[in-house]
Amino acid sequence: MKWMIASDIHGSAYYCRQLLNAYNREQADRLLLLGDLLYHGPRNDLPEEYDPKQVIELLNAKKQHILCVRGNCDAEVDQMVLQFPIMADYCAIADGDTLIYATHGHTYNEQNLPPLHRGDILLHGHTHVPACVPHDTYTCMNPGSVAIPKAGSWHGYLIMENGRFQWKTMTNEVKMEFADGKRIL
């Protein structure tokens, strides 16, 4: 199964459209969103073409493809307008012998680990910075931000397929790659 993983849209209709165009181009089977879908948050500037109502419409049109976890900027009122579940704090995805623990990152992160086994992956957004950090017993991954990248990073997403992970820009440029327990690029 091919997964597209993205985080931190923050109400940008412009980058949400780019993300969904990339989803179609990638021909992914599912879209995993790691939270912060509609609201820009008090610490962020308004993203390009800030239009949460348009983001609602765009995401609801893909509701049958989306799996989502709640970000720190997501609220029950957001769930009232989105037609797919967004209020789970985490989800677990089995990929062979590897468990991928997907969460937003404001609660569970490298400083506060969820229950992981050797070889598992902690996958989270929240920081707006793409990352792939192998540790002794687990690997931490972050797709970065769709709309408000930080620390000189790019507007992007992550593709997961057959144990291989690729961090990509919205224009399909591969920036990082991880497979067989190590970073390749």
C-alpha atoms as a PDB file:
ATOM      1  CA  MET A   1       0.000   0.000   0.000  1.00  0.00           C
ATOM      2  CA  LYS A   2       1.237   3.473  -0.863  1.00  0.00           C
ATOM      3  CA  TRP A   3       0.679   6.171   1.768  1.00  0.00           C
ATOM      4  CA  MET A   4       1.064   9.922   1.432  1.00  0.00           C
ATOM      5  CA  ILE A   5       1.740  11.516   4.816  1.00  0.00           C
ATOM      6  CA  ALA A   6       1.408  15.246   5.439  1.00  0.00           C
ATOM      7  CA  SER A   7       1.056  17.659   8.328  1.00  0.00           C
ATOM      8  CA  ASP A   8       0.297  21.262   9.202  1.00  0.00           C
ATOM      9  CA  ILE A   9      -1.915  22.584   6.384  1.00  0.00           C
ATOM     10  CA  HIS A  10      -3.001  25.391   8.737  1.00  0.00           C
ATOM     11  CA  GLY A  11      -5.921  26.597   6.610  1.00  0.00           C
ATOM     12  CA  SER A  12      -3.946  27.267   3.412  1.00  0.00           C
ATOM     13  CA  ALA A  13      -6.218  26.515   0.456  1.00  0.00           C
ATOM     14  CA  TYR A  14      -3.272  27.175  -1.880  1.00  0.00           C
ATOM     15  CA  TYR A  15      -1.059  24.475  -0.355  1.00  0.00           C
ATOM     16  CA  CYS A  16      -3.972  22.118   0.296  1.00  0.00           C
ATOM     17  CA  ARG A  17      -4.709  22.148  -3.457  1.00  0.00           C
ATOM     18  CA  GLN A  18      -1.027  21.476  -4.162  1.00  0.00           C
ATOM     19  CA  LEU A  19      -1.076  18.583  -1.682  1.00  0.00           C
ATOM     20  CA  LEU A  20      -4.161  17.018  -3.251  1.00  0.00           C
ATOM     21  CA  ASN A  21      -2.684  17.462  -6.738  1.00  0.00           C
ATOM     22  CA  ALA A  22       0.453  15.660  -5.508  1.00  0.00           C
ATOM     23  CA  TYR A  23      -1.746  12.945  -3.974  1.00  0.00           C
ATOM     24  CA  ASN A  24      -3.342  12.345  -7.355  1.00  0.00           C
ATOM     25  CA  ARG A  25       0.037  12.451  -9.136  1.00  0.00           C
ATOM     26  CA  GLU A  26       1.538   9.977  -6.644  1.00  0.00           C
ATOM     27  CA  GLN A  27      -1.469   7.656  -7.030  1.00  0.00           C
ATOM     28  CA  ALA A  28      -1.308   6.931  -3.314  1.00  0.00           C
ATOM     29  CA  ASP A  29      -3.868   4.627  -1.733  1.00  0.00           C
ATOM     30  CA  ARG A  30      -4.330   6.674   1.466  1.00  0.00           C
ATOM     31  CA  LEU A  31      -3.603  10.145   2.792  1.00  0.00           C
ATOM     32  CA  LEU A  32      -2.495  10.293   6.433  1.00  0.00           C
ATOM     33  CA  LEU A  33      -2.798  13.795   7.893  1.00  0.00           C
ATOM     34  CA  LEU A  34      -0.891  14.486  11.112  1.00  0.00           C
ATOM     35  CA  GLY A  35      -3.063  17.366  12.307  1.00  0.00           C
ATOM     36  CA  ASP A  36      -3.337  21.166  12.289  1.00  0.00           C
ATOM     37  CA  LEU A  37      -5.661  21.265   9.305  1.00  0.00           C
ATOM     38  CA  LEU A  38      -7.700  24.480   9.476  1.00  0.00           C
ATOM     39  CA  TYR A  39      -6.408  27.028  11.987  1.00  0.00           C
ATOM     40  CA  HIS A  40      -3.090  28.834  11.513  1.00  0.00           C
ATOM     41  CA  GLY A  41      -2.249  28.942  15.224  1.00  0.00           C
ATOM     42  CA  PRO A  42      -1.238  31.928  17.352  1.00  0.00           C
ATOM     43  CA  ARG A  43       2.511  31.482  16.749  1.00  0.00           C
ATOM     44  CA  ASN A  44       2.305  31.344  12.955  1.00  0.00           C
ATOM     45  CA  ASP A  45       1.787  34.028  10.352  1.00  0.00           C
ATOM     46  CA  LEU A  46      -1.188  33.539   8.048  1.00  0.00           C
ATOM     47  CA  PRO A  47      -0.226  31.041   5.340  1.00  0.00           C
ATOM     48  CA  GLU A  48      -0.680  31.794   1.652  1.00  0.00           C
ATOM     49  CA  GLU A  49      -4.355  31.939   0.643  1.00  0.00           C
ATOM     50  CA  TYR A  50      -5.611  31.343   4.183  1.00  0.00           C
ATOM     51  CA  ASP A  51      -9.140  30.036   3.626  1.00  0.00           C
ATOM     52  CA  PRO A  52     -10.213  27.327   6.097  1.00  0.00           C
ATOM     53  CA  LYS A  53     -13.656  27.005   4.458  1.00  0.00           C
ATOM     54  CA  GLN A  54     -12.007  26.141   1.141  1.00  0.00           C
ATOM     55  CA  VAL A  55      -9.702  23.645   2.896  1.00  0.00           C
ATOM     56  CA  ILE A  56     -12.802  22.008   4.430  1.00  0.00           C
ATOM     57  CA  GLU A  57     -14.343  21.630   0.984  1.00  0.00           C
ATOM     58  CA  LEU A  58     -11.131  20.294  -0.560  1.00  0.00           C
ATOM     59  CA  LEU A  59     -10.492  17.727   2.189  1.00  0.00           C
ATOM     60  CA  ASN A  60     -14.126  16.599   2.451  1.00  0.00           C
ATOM     61  CA  ALA A  61     -14.029  15.768  -1.268  1.00  0.00           C
ATOM     62  CA  LYS A  62     -11.277  13.204  -0.435  1.00  0.00           C
ATOM     63  CA  LYS A  63     -12.819  11.974   2.833  1.00  0.00           C
ATOM     64  CA  GLN A  64     -12.820   8.299   1.818  1.00  0.00           C
ATOM     65  CA  HIS A  65      -9.015   8.431   1.368  1.00  0.00           C
ATOM     66  CA  ILE A  66      -8.071  10.304   4.565  1.00  0.00           C
ATOM     67  CA  LEU A  67      -6.873   9.002   7.915  1.00  0.00           C
ATOM     68  CA  CYS A  68      -6.160  11.802  10.380  1.00  0.00           C
ATOM     69  CA  VAL A  69      -4.898  12.496  13.894  1.00  0.00           C
ATOM     70  CA  ARG A  70      -5.618  15.608  15.946  1.00  0.00           C
ATOM     71  CA  GLY A  71      -3.132  18.444  16.079  1.00  0.00           C
ATOM     72  CA  ASN A  72      -2.796  21.025  18.833  1.00  0.00           C
ATOM     73  CA  CYS A  73      -4.655  23.572  16.640  1.00  0.00           C
ATOM     74  CA  ASP A  74      -7.550  21.183  15.867  1.00  0.00           C
ATOM     75  CA  ALA A  75     -10.744  21.369  17.931  1.00  0.00           C
ATOM     76  CA  GLU A  76     -14.153  19.747  18.229  1.00  0.00           C
ATOM     77  CA  VAL A  77     -15.648  22.568  16.172  1.00  0.00           C
ATOM     78  CA  ASP A  78     -13.353  21.496  13.299  1.00  0.00           C
ATOM     79  CA  GLN A  79     -14.718  17.960  13.558  1.00  0.00           C
ATOM     80  CA  MET A  80     -18.215  19.378  13.122  1.00  0.00           C
ATOM     81  CA  VAL A  81     -17.375  20.566   9.585  1.00  0.00           C
ATOM     82  CA  LEU A  82     -14.956  17.843   8.446  1.00  0.00           C
ATOM     83  CA  GLN A  83     -16.567  14.626   7.213  1.00  0.00           C
ATOM     84  CA  PHE A  84     -13.783  12.288   8.356  1.00  0.00           C
ATOM     85  CA  PRO A  85     -12.530  11.602  11.904  1.00  0.00           C
ATOM     86  CA  ILE A  86      -9.846  14.032  13.168  1.00  0.00           C
ATOM     87  CA  MET A  87      -9.992  13.751  16.954  1.00  0.00           C
ATOM     88  CA  ALA A  88      -7.791  10.688  17.595  1.00  0.00           C
ATOM     89  CA  ASP A  89      -4.533  11.528  19.387  1.00  0.00           C
ATOM     90  CA  TYR A  90      -2.673   8.840  17.459  1.00  0.00           C
ATOM     91  CA  CYS A  91      -3.041   5.922  15.109  1.00  0.00           C
ATOM     92  CA  ALA A  92      -0.917   2.825  14.711  1.00  0.00           C
ATOM     93  CA  ILE A  93      -0.077   1.371  11.315  1.00  0.00           C
ATOM     94  CA  ALA A  94       1.527  -2.046  10.930  1.00  0.00           C
ATOM     95  CA  ASP A  95       4.067  -2.208   8.110  1.00  0.00           C
ATOM     96  CA  GLY A  96       5.390  -5.777   8.192  1.00  0.00           C
ATOM     97  CA  ASP A  97       7.167  -6.196  11.537  1.00  0.00           C
ATOM     98  CA  THR A  98       7.335  -2.433  12.069  1.00  0.00           C
ATOM     99  CA  LEU A  99       4.760  -0.433  13.991  1.00  0.00           C
ATOM    100  CA  ILE A 100       4.361   3.158  12.850  1.00  0.00           C
ATOM    101  CA  TYR A 101       3.036   5.267  15.715  1.00  0.00           C
ATOM    102  CA  ALA A 102       1.529   8.333  14.014  1.00  0.00           C
ATOM    103  CA  THR A 103       0.651  11.394  16.085  1.00  0.00           C
ATOM    104  CA  HIS A 104       0.832  15.174  15.781  1.00  0.00           C
ATOM    105  CA  GLY A 105       3.886  15.617  17.992  1.00  0.00           C
ATOM    106  CA  HIS A 106       2.728  18.094  20.622  1.00  0.00           C
ATOM    107  CA  THR A 107       2.197  15.290  23.159  1.00  0.00           C
ATOM    108  CA  TYR A 108       4.276  12.346  21.952  1.00  0.00           C
ATOM    109  CA  ASN A 109       7.689  13.157  20.490  1.00  0.00           C
ATOM    110  CA  GLU A 110      11.372  12.384  21.062  1.00  0.00           C
ATOM    111  CA  GLN A 111      11.205  13.942  24.554  1.00  0.00           C
ATOM    112  CA  ASN A 112       8.032  12.017  25.510  1.00  0.00           C
ATOM    113  CA  LEU A 113       7.931   8.649  23.761  1.00  0.00           C
ATOM    114  CA  PRO A 114       4.809   6.551  23.344  1.00  0.00           C
ATOM    115  CA  PRO A 115       5.099   2.786  23.941  1.00  0.00           C
ATOM    116  CA  LEU A 116       7.473   1.642  21.195  1.00  0.00           C
ATOM    117  CA  HIS A 117       9.312  -1.609  20.503  1.00  0.00           C
ATOM    118  CA  ARG A 118      12.733  -1.973  18.909  1.00  0.00           C
ATOM    119  CA  GLY A 119      12.514  -1.055  15.227  1.00  0.00           C
ATOM    120  CA  ASP A 120       9.278   0.960  15.498  1.00  0.00           C
ATOM    121  CA  ILE A 121       8.781   4.381  13.945  1.00  0.00           C
ATOM    122  CA  LEU A 122       7.519   7.475  15.726  1.00  0.00           C
ATOM    123  CA  LEU A 123       5.915   9.615  13.025  1.00  0.00           C
ATOM    124  CA  HIS A 124       4.823  13.146  13.866  1.00  0.00           C
ATOM    125  CA  GLY A 125       4.421  16.666  12.511  1.00  0.00           C
ATOM    126  CA  HIS A 126       4.069  19.773  14.708  1.00  0.00           C
ATOM    127  CA  THR A 127       7.610  21.172  14.332  1.00  0.00           C
ATOM    128  CA  HIS A 128       7.178  22.057  10.627  1.00  0.00           C
ATOM    129  CA  VAL A 129      10.677  20.673   9.989  1.00  0.00           C
ATOM    130  CA  PRO A 130      11.213  17.457   7.981  1.00  0.00           C
ATOM    131  CA  ALA A 131      13.232  14.898   9.911  1.00  0.00           C
ATOM    132  CA  CYS A 132      14.502  11.350   9.860  1.00  0.00           C
ATOM    133  CA  VAL A 133      16.386  10.555  13.063  1.00  0.00           C
ATOM    134  CA  PRO A 134      17.418   6.941  13.690  1.00  0.00           C
ATOM    135  CA  HIS A 135      17.842   6.134  17.387  1.00  0.00           C
ATOM    136  CA  ASP A 136      19.132   2.925  18.972  1.00  0.00           C
ATOM    137  CA  THR A 137      15.665   1.398  19.339  1.00  0.00           C
ATOM    138  CA  TYR A 138      13.350   3.456  17.100  1.00  0.00           C
ATOM    139  CA  THR A 139      13.342   5.995  14.283  1.00  0.00           C
ATOM    140  CA  CYS A 140      11.662   9.397  14.505  1.00  0.00           C
ATOM    141  CA  MET A 141      10.226  10.839  11.284  1.00  0.00           C
ATOM    142  CA  ASN A 142       8.519  14.119  10.450  1.00  0.00           C
ATOM    143  CA  PRO A 143       7.090  15.015   7.022  1.00  0.00           C
ATOM    144  CA  GLY A 144       7.564  18.745   7.652  1.00  0.00           C
ATOM    145  CA  SER A 145       4.777  21.191   6.868  1.00  0.00           C
ATOM    146  CA  VAL A 146       2.511  21.511   3.867  1.00  0.00           C
ATOM    147  CA  ALA A 147       1.901  25.257   4.346  1.00  0.00           C
ATOM    148  CA  ILE A 148       4.341  26.789   6.842  1.00  0.00           C
ATOM    149  CA  PRO A 149       7.756  25.105   6.638  1.00  0.00           C
ATOM    150  CA  LYS A 150      10.337  26.227   9.178  1.00  0.00           C
ATOM    151  CA  ALA A 151      14.142  26.166   9.605  1.00  0.00           C
ATOM    152  CA  GLY A 152      14.756  26.675   5.891  1.00  0.00           C
ATOM    153  CA  SER A 153      12.801  23.567   4.895  1.00  0.00           C
ATOM    154  CA  TRP A 154      10.364  23.088   2.001  1.00  0.00           C
ATOM    155  CA  HIS A 155       6.606  22.796   1.504  1.00  0.00           C
ATOM    156  CA  GLY A 156       6.272  19.045   1.358  1.00  0.00           C
ATOM    157  CA  TYR A 157       5.039  15.629   2.298  1.00  0.00           C
ATOM    158  CA  LEU A 158       6.249  12.068   2.858  1.00  0.00           C
ATOM    159  CA  ILE A 159       5.596   8.959   0.772  1.00  0.00           C
ATOM    160  CA  MET A 160       5.669   5.537   2.447  1.00  0.00           C
ATOM    161  CA  GLU A 161       5.604   2.414   0.338  1.00  0.00           C
ATOM    162  CA  ASN A 162       6.978  -1.085   0.987  1.00  0.00           C
ATOM    163  CA  GLY A 163       9.165   0.042   3.906  1.00  0.00           C
ATOM    164  CA  ARG A 164      10.697   2.932   1.923  1.00  0.00           C
ATOM    165  CA  PHE A 165      10.123   6.573   2.899  1.00  0.00           C
ATOM    166  CA  GLN A 166      10.657   9.577   0.638  1.00  0.00           C
ATOM    167  CA  TRP A 167      10.397  13.218   1.698  1.00  0.00           C
ATOM    168  CA  LYS A 168       9.246  15.256  -1.294  1.00  0.00           C
ATOM    169  CA  THR A 169       8.579  18.848  -2.231  1.00  0.00           C
ATOM    170  CA  MET A 170       5.231  19.810  -3.712  1.00  0.00           C
ATOM    171  CA  THR A 171       6.964  19.747  -7.100  1.00  0.00           C
ATOM    172  CA  ASN A 172       7.957  16.072  -6.635  1.00  0.00           C
ATOM    173  CA  GLU A 173      11.650  16.603  -5.825  1.00  0.00           C
ATOM    174  CA  VAL A 174      12.977  13.917  -3.453  1.00  0.00           C
ATOM    175  CA  LYS A 175      14.812  15.608  -0.543  1.00  0.00           C
ATOM    176  CA  MET A 176      15.425  12.654   1.817  1.00  0.00           C
ATOM    177  CA  GLU A 177      15.027   8.901   1.697  1.00  0.00           C
ATOM    178  CA  PHE A 178      14.988   6.144   4.311  1.00  0.00           C
ATOM    179  CA  ALA A 179      14.916   2.360   3.756  1.00  0.00           C
ATOM    180  CA  ASP A 180      16.241  -0.792   5.409  1.00  0.00           C
ATOM    181  CA  GLY A 181      16.761   1.029   8.719  1.00  0.00           C
ATOM    182  CA  LYS A 182      18.994   3.802   7.396  1.00  0.00           C
ATOM    183  CA  ARG A 183      18.917   7.160   5.635  1.00  0.00           C
ATOM    184  CA  ILE A 184      19.871   6.872   1.991  1.00  0.00           C
ATOM    185  CA  LEU A 185      19.635  10.489   0.926  1.00  0.00           C
END
